[in-house]
Each structure stands twice: as structure tokens, then as C-alpha cells.
Amino acid sequence: LIPAFSVHNFPNPFSDHTAFVVGLPGDGKASLPVYTRAGERVCRVLENTDMPAGVHLVRWDGVNDNGRSIAPGTYEYLLDYVHAGKTDRIRKKLVVTRE
């Protein structure tokens, strides 16, 4: 079966880690940055990564590009999927809690 282009994360909200479930209907390149609500990039979970068609599980431990834990709050993530000369994008939100 060929998956639909999709992404979600679980658990959401999360305190120490989450996993993104990425569905790609064909081979391509994927980028998955995380941003604050103000639009500042926090982390690049994936950056222009070659990925085959299928369903992929990508774990993220809630740290920024400098290796520091991010603050509790609401963040946005984007999945950019470049394939066959075009780009598709999904934008979603995630919530970080700290205990």
C-alpha cells in the first residue's frame, strides 16, 4: 500500500520526547523544522533528507539545534516534501510540557 502524504506526532503533548510519523507516497527529500509561535526556528529534526516512499518514524527528544531542552509551550512544525519537481507542505502544532 502507498501511504498518503501525512505527518503527526505522538505523544502530543510530550515532556521528554515525541515521535513524528511521516507518510510519503513516493521517494523524495523531507525537511522537518520546529518553530516557536513567533516563527523562530528551534530545531531541524530533518533537513533535506533523502527518504523512500513509505511510513517513517522519526524520534525527537525536545532539544534545540544547540542540544538544549526547549521550554514548555506550543510550537509549530512543518513537513516539506520535495518530489517530482514540486514541493508539498503540512503545518501542525505540538505542545511541550515539562514535569
PDB file of N, CA and C in Angstrom:
ATOM      1  N   LEU A   1       0.832  -1.189   0.000  1.00  0.00           N
ATOM      2  CA  LEU A   1       0.000   0.000   0.000  1.00  0.00           C
ATOM      3  C   LEU A   1       0.873   1.247   0.000  1.00  0.00           C
ATOM      4  N   ILE A   2       0.436   2.244  -0.715  1.00  0.00           N
ATOM      5  CA  ILE A   2       1.156   3.514  -0.766  1.00  0.00           C
ATOM      6  C   ILE A   2       0.494   4.473   0.222  1.00  0.00           C
ATOM      7  N   PRO A   3       1.275   5.002   1.181  1.00  0.00           N
ATOM      8  CA  PRO A   3       0.673   5.909   2.164  1.00  0.00           C
ATOM      9  C   PRO A   3       0.365   7.269   1.546  1.00  0.00           C
ATOM     10  N   ALA A   4      -0.561   7.974   2.164  1.00  0.00           N
ATOM     11  CA  ALA A   4      -0.834   9.362   1.795  1.00  0.00           C
ATOM     12  C   ALA A   4       0.261  10.243   2.381  1.00  0.00           C
ATOM     13  N   PHE A   5       0.440  11.421   1.816  1.00  0.00           N
ATOM     14  CA  PHE A   5       1.363  12.402   2.376  1.00  0.00           C
ATOM     15  C   PHE A   5       0.763  12.882   3.692  1.00  0.00           C
ATOM     16  N   SER A   6       1.468  12.620   4.786  1.00  0.00           N
ATOM     17  CA  SER A   6       0.919  12.943   6.100  1.00  0.00           C
ATOM     18  C   SER A   6       2.026  13.030   7.141  1.00  0.00           C
ATOM     19  N   VAL A   7       1.683  13.668   8.265  1.00  0.00           N
ATOM     20  CA  VAL A   7       2.579  13.710   9.416  1.00  0.00           C
ATOM     21  C   VAL A   7       1.746  13.960  10.670  1.00  0.00           C
ATOM     22  N   HIS A   8       2.115  13.306  11.746  1.00  0.00           N
ATOM     23  CA  HIS A   8       1.595  13.634  13.069  1.00  0.00           C
ATOM     24  C   HIS A   8       2.637  13.187  14.085  1.00  0.00           C
ATOM     25  N   ASN A   9       2.496  13.693  15.297  1.00  0.00           N
ATOM     26  CA  ASN A   9       3.446  13.279  16.324  1.00  0.00           C
ATOM     27  C   ASN A   9       2.701  12.705  17.520  1.00  0.00           C
ATOM     28  N   PHE A  10       3.373  11.790  18.219  1.00  0.00           N
ATOM     29  CA  PHE A  10       2.805  11.223  19.439  1.00  0.00           C
ATOM     30  C   PHE A  10       3.936  10.923  20.398  1.00  0.00           C
ATOM     31  N   PRO A  11       3.787  11.038  21.681  1.00  0.00           N
ATOM     32  CA  PRO A  11       2.612  11.660  22.269  1.00  0.00           C
ATOM     33  C   PRO A  11       2.616  13.174  22.028  1.00  0.00           C
ATOM     34  N   ASN A  12       1.456  13.754  22.112  1.00  0.00           N
ATOM     35  CA  ASN A  12       1.300  15.204  21.985  1.00  0.00           C
ATOM     36  C   ASN A  12       0.147  15.600  22.892  1.00  0.00           C
ATOM     37  N   PRO A  13       0.407  16.283  23.985  1.00  0.00           N
ATOM     38  CA  PRO A  13       1.660  16.904  24.414  1.00  0.00           C
ATOM     39  C   PRO A  13       2.672  15.858  24.905  1.00  0.00           C
ATOM     40  N   PHE A  14       3.947  16.306  24.981  1.00  0.00           N
ATOM     41  CA  PHE A  14       5.006  15.424  25.460  1.00  0.00           C
ATOM     42  C   PHE A  14       5.913  16.181  26.414  1.00  0.00           C
ATOM     43  N   SER A  15       6.646  15.429  27.266  1.00  0.00           N
ATOM     44  CA  SER A  15       7.547  16.074  28.215  1.00  0.00           C
ATOM     45  C   SER A  15       9.015  15.822  27.897  1.00  0.00           C
ATOM     46  N   ASP A  16       9.381  14.628  27.435  1.00  0.00           N
ATOM     47  CA  ASP A  16      10.802  14.380  27.189  1.00  0.00           C
ATOM     48  C   ASP A  16      11.129  13.934  25.770  1.00  0.00           C
ATOM     49  N   HIS A  17      10.171  13.385  25.046  1.00  0.00           N
ATOM     50  CA  HIS A  17      10.407  13.019  23.647  1.00  0.00           C
ATOM     51  C   HIS A  17       9.076  12.803  22.936  1.00  0.00           C
ATOM     52  N   THR A  18       9.129  12.865  21.636  1.00  0.00           N
ATOM     53  CA  THR A  18       7.981  12.578  20.790  1.00  0.00           C
ATOM     54  C   THR A  18       8.485  11.866  19.543  1.00  0.00           C
ATOM     55  N   ALA A  19       7.584  11.319  18.781  1.00  0.00           N
ATOM     56  CA  ALA A  19       7.941  10.684  17.525  1.00  0.00           C
ATOM     57  C   ALA A  19       7.016  11.222  16.437  1.00  0.00           C
ATOM     58  N   PHE A  20       7.603  11.574  15.312  1.00  0.00           N
ATOM     59  CA  PHE A  20       6.836  12.015  14.155  1.00  0.00           C
ATOM     60  C   PHE A  20       6.611  10.812  13.257  1.00  0.00           C
ATOM     61  N   VAL A  21       5.376  10.603  12.859  1.00  0.00           N
ATOM     62  CA  VAL A  21       5.038   9.554  11.906  1.00  0.00           C
ATOM     63  C   VAL A  21       4.833  10.252  10.570  1.00  0.00           C
ATOM     64  N   VAL A  22       5.715   9.971   9.625  1.00  0.00           N
ATOM     65  CA  VAL A  22       5.730  10.649   8.331  1.00  0.00           C
ATOM     66  C   VAL A  22       5.333   9.652   7.250  1.00  0.00           C
ATOM     67  N   GLY A  23       4.316   9.992   6.479  1.00  0.00           N
ATOM     68  CA  GLY A  23       3.886   9.166   5.362  1.00  0.00           C
ATOM     69  C   GLY A  23       4.269   9.838   4.048  1.00  0.00           C
ATOM     70  N   LEU A  24       5.031   9.141   3.219  1.00  0.00           N
ATOM     71  CA  LEU A  24       5.450   9.673   1.926  1.00  0.00           C
ATOM     72  C   LEU A  24       5.003   8.726   0.815  1.00  0.00           C
ATOM     73  N   PRO A  25       4.221   9.233  -0.152  1.00  0.00           N
ATOM     74  CA  PRO A  25       3.722   8.372  -1.218  1.00  0.00           C
ATOM     75  C   PRO A  25       4.758   8.021  -2.283  1.00  0.00           C
ATOM     76  N   GLY A  26       5.903   8.702  -2.281  1.00  0.00           N
ATOM     77  CA  GLY A  26       6.962   8.417  -3.254  1.00  0.00           C
ATOM     78  C   GLY A  26       8.301   8.844  -2.695  1.00  0.00           C
ATOM     79  N   ASP A  27       9.366   8.448  -3.375  1.00  0.00           N
ATOM     80  CA  ASP A  27      10.707   8.862  -2.952  1.00  0.00           C
ATOM     81  C   ASP A  27      10.834  10.375  -3.059  1.00  0.00           C
ATOM     82  N   GLY A  28      11.597  10.970  -2.152  1.00  0.00           N
ATOM     83  CA  GLY A  28      11.801  12.414  -2.195  1.00  0.00           C
ATOM     84  C   GLY A  28      12.714  12.870  -1.083  1.00  0.00           C
ATOM     85  N   LYS A  29      12.763  14.169  -0.889  1.00  0.00           N
ATOM     86  CA  LYS A  29      13.554  14.772   0.179  1.00  0.00           C
ATOM     87  C   LYS A  29      12.601  15.398   1.177  1.00  0.00           C
ATOM     88  N   ALA A  30      12.870  15.201   2.464  1.00  0.00           N
ATOM     89  CA  ALA A  30      11.994  15.715   3.511  1.00  0.00           C
ATOM     90  C   ALA A  30      12.773  16.633   4.448  1.00  0.00           C
ATOM     91  N   SER A  31      12.104  17.697   4.851  1.00  0.00           N
ATOM     92  CA  SER A  31      12.622  18.605   5.878  1.00  0.00           C
ATOM     93  C   SER A  31      11.539  18.749   6.930  1.00  0.00           C
ATOM     94  N   LEU A  32      11.957  18.773   8.202  1.00  0.00           N
ATOM     95  CA  LEU A  32      11.005  18.866   9.305  1.00  0.00           C
ATOM     96  C   LEU A  32      11.566  19.796  10.379  1.00  0.00           C
ATOM     97  N   PRO A  33      11.432  21.117  10.187  1.00  0.00           N
ATOM     98  CA  PRO A  33      11.863  22.059  11.220  1.00  0.00           C
ATOM     99  C   PRO A  33      10.752  22.300  12.237  1.00  0.00           C
ATOM    100  N   VAL A  34      11.154  22.699  13.446  1.00  0.00           N
ATOM    101  CA  VAL A  34      10.226  23.070  14.511  1.00  0.00           C
ATOM    102  C   VAL A  34      10.443  24.551  14.804  1.00  0.00           C
ATOM    103  N   TYR A  35       9.343  25.297  14.978  1.00  0.00           N
ATOM    104  CA  TYR A  35       9.393  26.746  15.185  1.00  0.00           C
ATOM    105  C   TYR A  35       8.627  27.139  16.432  1.00  0.00           C
ATOM    106  N   THR A  36       9.027  28.268  17.035  1.00  0.00           N
ATOM    107  CA  THR A  36       8.233  28.863  18.100  1.00  0.00           C
ATOM    108  C   THR A  36       6.989  29.475  17.472  1.00  0.00           C
ATOM    109  N   ARG A  37       6.057  29.891  18.295  1.00  0.00           N
ATOM    110  CA  ARG A  37       4.853  30.551  17.771  1.00  0.00           C
ATOM    111  C   ARG A  37       5.194  31.890  17.131  1.00  0.00           C
ATOM    112  N   ALA A  38       6.341  32.472  17.498  1.00  0.00           N
ATOM    113  CA  ALA A  38       6.793  33.735  16.909  1.00  0.00           C
ATOM    114  C   ALA A  38       7.515  33.522  15.582  1.00  0.00           C
ATOM    115  N   GLY A  39       7.701  32.275  15.175  1.00  0.00           N
ATOM    116  CA  GLY A  39       8.322  31.978  13.896  1.00  0.00           C
ATOM    117  C   GLY A  39       9.818  31.770  13.928  1.00  0.00           C
ATOM    118  N   GLU A  40      10.414  31.688  15.118  1.00  0.00           N
ATOM    119  CA  GLU A  40      11.862  31.437  15.223  1.00  0.00           C
ATOM    120  C   GLU A  40      12.114  29.937  15.166  1.00  0.00           C
ATOM    121  N   ARG A  41      13.053  29.528  14.315  1.00  0.00           N
ATOM    122  CA  ARG A  41      13.360  28.094  14.212  1.00  0.00           C
ATOM    123  C   ARG A  41      14.059  27.630  15.475  1.00  0.00           C
ATOM    124  N   VAL A  42      13.593  26.521  16.000  1.00  0.00           N
ATOM    125  CA  VAL A  42      14.140  25.925  17.216  1.00  0.00           C
ATOM    126  C   VAL A  42      15.075  24.771  16.863  1.00  0.00           C
ATOM    127  N   CYS A  43      14.641  23.952  15.913  1.00  0.00           N
ATOM    128  CA  CYS A  43      15.357  22.711  15.634  1.00  0.00           C
ATOM    129  C   CYS A  43      15.053  22.238  14.220  1.00  0.00           C
ATOM    130  N   ARG A  44      16.004  21.565  13.628  1.00  0.00           N
ATOM    131  CA  ARG A  44      15.812  20.866  12.359  1.00  0.00           C
ATOM    132  C   ARG A  44      15.809  19.374  12.651  1.00  0.00           C
ATOM    133  N   VAL A  45      14.636  18.802  12.759  1.00  0.00           N
ATOM    134  CA  VAL A  45      14.538  17.365  13.024  1.00  0.00           C
ATOM    135  C   VAL A  45      15.025  16.594  11.795  1.00  0.00           C
ATOM    136  N   LEU A  46      14.606  17.034  10.614  1.00  0.00           N
ATOM    137  CA  LEU A  46      15.109  16.533   9.339  1.00  0.00           C
ATOM    138  C   LEU A  46      15.452  17.737   8.484  1.00  0.00           C
ATOM    139  N   GLU A  47      16.504  17.611   7.678  1.00  0.00           N
ATOM    140  CA  GLU A  47      16.830  18.701   6.765  1.00  0.00           C
ATOM    141  C   GLU A  47      17.267  18.133   5.421  1.00  0.00           C
ATOM    142  N   ASN A  48      16.392  18.287   4.438  1.00  0.00           N
ATOM    143  CA  ASN A  48      16.683  17.875   3.065  1.00  0.00           C
ATOM    144  C   ASN A  48      17.199  16.429   3.026  1.00  0.00           C
ATOM    145  N   THR A  49      16.498  15.565   3.741  1.00  0.00           N
ATOM    146  CA  THR A  49      16.903  14.174   3.904  1.00  0.00           C
ATOM    147  C   THR A  49      16.250  13.296   2.836  1.00  0.00           C
ATOM    148  N   ASP A  50      17.058  12.514   2.118  1.00  0.00           N
ATOM    149  CA  ASP A  50      16.517  11.560   1.145  1.00  0.00           C
ATOM    150  C   ASP A  50      15.726  10.493   1.886  1.00  0.00           C
ATOM    151  N   MET A  51      14.468  10.307   1.465  1.00  0.00           N
ATOM    152  CA  MET A  51      13.621   9.307   2.113  1.00  0.00           C
ATOM    153  C   MET A  51      12.846   8.546   1.047  1.00  0.00           C
ATOM    154  N   PRO A  52      12.786   7.226   1.177  1.00  0.00           N
ATOM    155  CA  PRO A  52      11.991   6.429   0.233  1.00  0.00           C
ATOM    156  C   PRO A  52      10.506   6.521   0.572  1.00  0.00           C
ATOM    157  N   ALA A  53       9.687   6.104  -0.365  1.00  0.00           N
ATOM    158  CA  ALA A  53       8.249   6.039  -0.115  1.00  0.00           C
ATOM    159  C   ALA A  53       7.990   5.126   1.075  1.00  0.00           C
ATOM    160  N   GLY A  54       6.946   5.430   1.827  1.00  0.00           N
ATOM    161  CA  GLY A  54       6.577   4.591   2.963  1.00  0.00           C
ATOM    162  C   GLY A  54       6.265   5.418   4.192  1.00  0.00           C
ATOM    163  N   VAL A  55       6.133   4.718   5.297  1.00  0.00           N
ATOM    164  CA  VAL A  55       5.847   5.346   6.582  1.00  0.00           C
ATOM    165  C   VAL A  55       7.128   5.304   7.409  1.00  0.00           C
ATOM    166  N   HIS A  56       7.499   6.462   7.944  1.00  0.00           N
ATOM    167  CA  HIS A  56       8.747   6.590   8.694  1.00  0.00           C
ATOM    168  C   HIS A  56       8.459   7.120  10.089  1.00  0.00           C
ATOM    169  N   LEU A  57       9.200   6.624  11.078  1.00  0.00           N
ATOM    170  CA  LEU A  57       9.103   7.086  12.454  1.00  0.00           C
ATOM    171  C   LEU A  57      10.377   7.853  12.765  1.00  0.00           C
ATOM    172  N   VAL A  58      10.226   9.132  13.127  1.00  0.00           N
ATOM    173  CA  VAL A  58      11.374   9.993  13.404  1.00  0.00           C
ATOM    174  C   VAL A  58      11.251  10.494  14.833  1.00  0.00           C
ATOM    175  N   ARG A  59      12.158  10.082  15.695  1.00  0.00           N
ATOM    176  CA  ARG A  59      12.117  10.454  17.113  1.00  0.00           C
ATOM    177  C   ARG A  59      12.780  11.811  17.318  1.00  0.00           C
ATOM    178  N   TRP A  60      12.226  12.599  18.252  1.00  0.00           N
ATOM    179  CA  TRP A  60      12.824  13.890  18.632  1.00  0.00           C
ATOM    180  C   TRP A  60      12.759  14.008  20.147  1.00  0.00           C
ATOM    181  N   ASP A  61      13.878  14.391  20.745  1.00  0.00           N
ATOM    182  CA  ASP A  61      13.975  14.454  22.200  1.00  0.00           C
ATOM    183  C   ASP A  61      13.707  15.837  22.789  1.00  0.00           C
ATOM    184  N   GLY A  62      13.136  16.745  22.010  1.00  0.00           N
ATOM    185  CA  GLY A  62      12.741  18.047  22.537  1.00  0.00           C
ATOM    186  C   GLY A  62      13.888  18.991  22.817  1.00  0.00           C
ATOM    187  N   VAL A  63      14.980  18.853  22.055  1.00  0.00           N
ATOM    188  CA  VAL A  63      16.114  19.768  22.224  1.00  0.00           C
ATOM    189  C   VAL A  63      16.267  20.620  20.968  1.00  0.00           C
ATOM    190  N   ASN A  64      16.871  21.791  21.149  1.00  0.00           N
ATOM    191  CA  ASN A  64      17.086  22.685  20.010  1.00  0.00           C
ATOM    192  C   ASN A  64      18.345  22.287  19.248  1.00  0.00           C
ATOM    193  N   ASP A  65      18.695  23.066  18.238  1.00  0.00           N
ATOM    194  CA  ASP A  65      19.878  22.753  17.424  1.00  0.00           C
ATOM    195  C   ASP A  65      21.181  22.843  18.212  1.00  0.00           C
ATOM    196  N   ASN A  66      21.144  23.491  19.382  1.00  0.00           N
ATOM    197  CA  ASN A  66      22.335  23.594  20.234  1.00  0.00           C
ATOM    198  C   ASN A  66      22.382  22.505  21.302  1.00  0.00           C
ATOM    199  N   GLY A  67      21.421  21.584  21.275  1.00  0.00           N
ATOM    200  CA  GLY A  67      21.416  20.485  22.226  1.00  0.00           C
ATOM    201  C   GLY A  67      20.788  20.803  23.565  1.00  0.00           C
ATOM    202  N   ARG A  68      20.094  21.941  23.679  1.00  0.00           N
ATOM    203  CA  ARG A  68      19.446  22.323  24.933  1.00  0.00           C
ATOM    204  C   ARG A  68      17.957  22.024  24.883  1.00  0.00           C
ATOM    205  N   SER A  69      17.410  21.614  26.014  1.00  0.00           N
ATOM    206  CA  SER A  69      15.975  21.343  26.089  1.00  0.00           C
ATOM    207  C   SER A  69      15.189  22.617  25.834  1.00  0.00           C
ATOM    208  N   ILE A  70      14.123  22.490  25.052  1.00  0.00           N
ATOM    209  CA  ILE A  70      13.300  23.661  24.772  1.00  0.00           C
ATOM    210  C   ILE A  70      12.311  23.883  25.920  1.00  0.00           C
ATOM    211  N   ALA A  71      11.840  25.109  26.035  1.00  0.00           N
ATOM    212  CA  ALA A  71      10.920  25.490  27.104  1.00  0.00           C
ATOM    213  C   ALA A  71       9.532  24.901  26.843  1.00  0.00           C
ATOM    214  N   PRO A  72       8.754  24.711  27.906  1.00  0.00           N
ATOM    215  CA  PRO A  72       7.370  24.280  27.716  1.00  0.00           C
ATOM    216  C   PRO A  72       6.610  25.303  26.877  1.00  0.00           C
ATOM    217  N   GLY A  73       5.658  24.833  26.104  1.00  0.00           N
ATOM    218  CA  GLY A  73       4.849  25.738  25.303  1.00  0.00           C
ATOM    219  C   GLY A  73       4.348  25.077  24.042  1.00  0.00           C
ATOM    220  N   THR A  74       3.745  25.893  23.186  1.00  0.00           N
ATOM    221  CA  THR A  74       3.201  25.432  21.917  1.00  0.00           C
ATOM    222  C   THR A  74       4.162  25.795  20.794  1.00  0.00           C
ATOM    223  N   TYR A  75       4.433  24.847  19.935  1.00  0.00           N
ATOM    224  CA  TYR A  75       5.350  25.020  18.812  1.00  0.00           C
ATOM    225  C   TYR A  75       4.669  24.571  17.528  1.00  0.00           C
ATOM    226  N   GLU A  76       5.199  25.002  16.394  1.00  0.00           N
ATOM    227  CA  GLU A  76       4.723  24.545  15.096  1.00  0.00           C
ATOM    228  C   GLU A  76       5.810  23.730  14.431  1.00  0.00           C
ATOM    229  N   TYR A  77       5.397  22.747  13.647  1.00  0.00           N
ATOM    230  CA  TYR A  77       6.362  22.041  12.813  1.00  0.00           C
ATOM    231  C   TYR A  77       5.822  21.975  11.394  1.00  0.00           C
ATOM    232  N   LEU A  78       6.755  21.948  10.457  1.00  0.00           N
ATOM    233  CA  LEU A  78       6.420  21.887   9.035  1.00  0.00           C
ATOM    234  C   LEU A  78       7.072  20.652   8.436  1.00  0.00           C
ATOM    235  N   LEU A  79       6.334  19.962   7.624  1.00  0.00           N
ATOM    236  CA  LEU A  79       6.931  18.883   6.841  1.00  0.00           C
ATOM    237  C   LEU A  79       6.941  19.344   5.393  1.00  0.00           C
ATOM    238  N   ASP A  80       8.127  19.554   4.852  1.00  0.00           N
ATOM    239  CA  ASP A  80       8.291  19.870   3.436  1.00  0.00           C
ATOM    240  C   ASP A  80       8.758  18.600   2.737  1.00  0.00           C
ATOM    241  N   TYR A  81       8.091  18.276   1.640  1.00  0.00           N
ATOM    242  CA  TYR A  81       8.358  17.052   0.892  1.00  0.00           C
ATOM    243  C   TYR A  81       8.572  17.445  -0.564  1.00  0.00           C
ATOM    244  N   VAL A  82       9.817  17.287  -1.033  1.00  0.00           N
ATOM    245  CA  VAL A  82      10.177  17.647  -2.400  1.00  0.00           C
ATOM    246  C   VAL A  82      10.262  16.363  -3.212  1.00  0.00           C
ATOM    247  N   HIS A  83       9.445  16.310  -4.279  1.00  0.00           N
ATOM    248  CA  HIS A  83       9.383  15.112  -5.095  1.00  0.00           C
ATOM    249  C   HIS A  83       8.886  15.477  -6.487  1.00  0.00           C
ATOM    250  N   ALA A  84       9.413  14.828  -7.481  1.00  0.00           N
ATOM    251  CA  ALA A  84       8.967  15.002  -8.872  1.00  0.00           C
ATOM    252  C   ALA A  84       8.869  16.477  -9.268  1.00  0.00           C
ATOM    253  N   GLY A  85       9.828  17.288  -8.808  1.00  0.00           N
ATOM    254  CA  GLY A  85       9.872  18.688  -9.212  1.00  0.00           C
ATOM    255  C   GLY A  85       8.893  19.605  -8.506  1.00  0.00           C
ATOM    256  N   LYS A  86       8.229  19.127  -7.459  1.00  0.00           N
ATOM    257  CA  LYS A  86       7.317  20.000  -6.718  1.00  0.00           C
ATOM    258  C   LYS A  86       7.505  19.809  -5.218  1.00  0.00           C
ATOM    259  N   THR A  87       6.963  20.758  -4.456  1.00  0.00           N
ATOM    260  CA  THR A  87       7.068  20.711  -3.002  1.00  0.00           C
ATOM    261  C   THR A  87       5.676  20.713  -2.387  1.00  0.00           C
ATOM    262  N   ASP A  88       5.437  19.792  -1.472  1.00  0.00           N
ATOM    263  CA  ASP A  88       4.202  19.757  -0.691  1.00  0.00           C
ATOM    264  C   ASP A  88       4.564  20.075   0.754  1.00  0.00           C
ATOM    265  N   ARG A  89       3.615  20.689   1.472  1.00  0.00           N
ATOM    266  CA  ARG A  89       3.890  21.112   2.846  1.00  0.00           C
ATOM    267  C   ARG A  89       2.685  20.848   3.736  1.00  0.00           C
ATOM    268  N   ILE A  90       2.992  20.401   4.950  1.00  0.00           N
ATOM    269  CA  ILE A  90       1.987  20.256   6.007  1.00  0.00           C
ATOM    270  C   ILE A  90       2.496  21.038   7.219  1.00  0.00           C
ATOM    271  N   ARG A  91       1.603  21.785   7.858  1.00  0.00           N
ATOM    272  CA  ARG A  91       1.936  22.562   9.061  1.00  0.00           C
ATOM    273  C   ARG A  91       1.037  22.075  10.193  1.00  0.00           C
ATOM    274  N   LYS A  92       1.661  21.765  11.343  1.00  0.00           N
ATOM    275  CA  LYS A  92       0.913  21.295  12.512  1.00  0.00           C
ATOM    276  C   LYS A  92       1.519  21.878  13.786  1.00  0.00           C
ATOM    277  N   LYS A  93       0.829  21.651  14.898  1.00  0.00           N
ATOM    278  CA  LYS A  93       1.285  22.148  16.198  1.00  0.00           C
ATOM    279  C   LYS A  93       1.592  20.991  17.131  1.00  0.00           C
ATOM    280  N   LEU A  94       2.510  21.267  18.058  1.00  0.00           N
ATOM    281  CA  LEU A  94       2.796  20.321  19.127  1.00  0.00           C
ATOM    282  C   LEU A  94       2.945  21.092  20.422  1.00  0.00           C
ATOM    283  N   VAL A  95       2.773  20.396  21.529  1.00  0.00           N
ATOM    284  CA  VAL A  95       2.845  21.014  22.841  1.00  0.00           C
ATOM    285  C   VAL A  95       3.897  20.298  23.672  1.00  0.00           C
ATOM    286  N   VAL A  96       4.775  21.089  24.300  1.00  0.00           N
ATOM    287  CA  VAL A  96       5.818  20.567  25.174  1.00  0.00           C
ATOM    288  C   VAL A  96       5.445  20.897  26.613  1.00  0.00           C
ATOM    289  N   THR A  97       5.464  19.900  27.473  1.00  0.00           N
ATOM    290  CA  THR A  97       5.261  20.089  28.905  1.00  0.00           C
ATOM    291  C   THR A  97       6.527  19.617  29.602  1.00  0.00           C
ATOM    292  N   ARG A  98       6.835  20.170  30.708  1.00  0.00           N
ATOM    293  CA  ARG A  98       7.991  19.702  31.499  1.00  0.00           C
ATOM    294  C   ARG A  98       7.501  19.399  32.904  1.00  0.00           C
ATOM    295  N   GLU A  99       7.932  18.260  33.424  1.00  0.00           N
ATOM    296  CA  GLU A  99       7.497  17.861  34.771  1.00  0.00           C
ATOM    297  C   GLU A  99       8.601  18.022  35.774  1.00  0.00           C
TER     298      GLU A  99
END
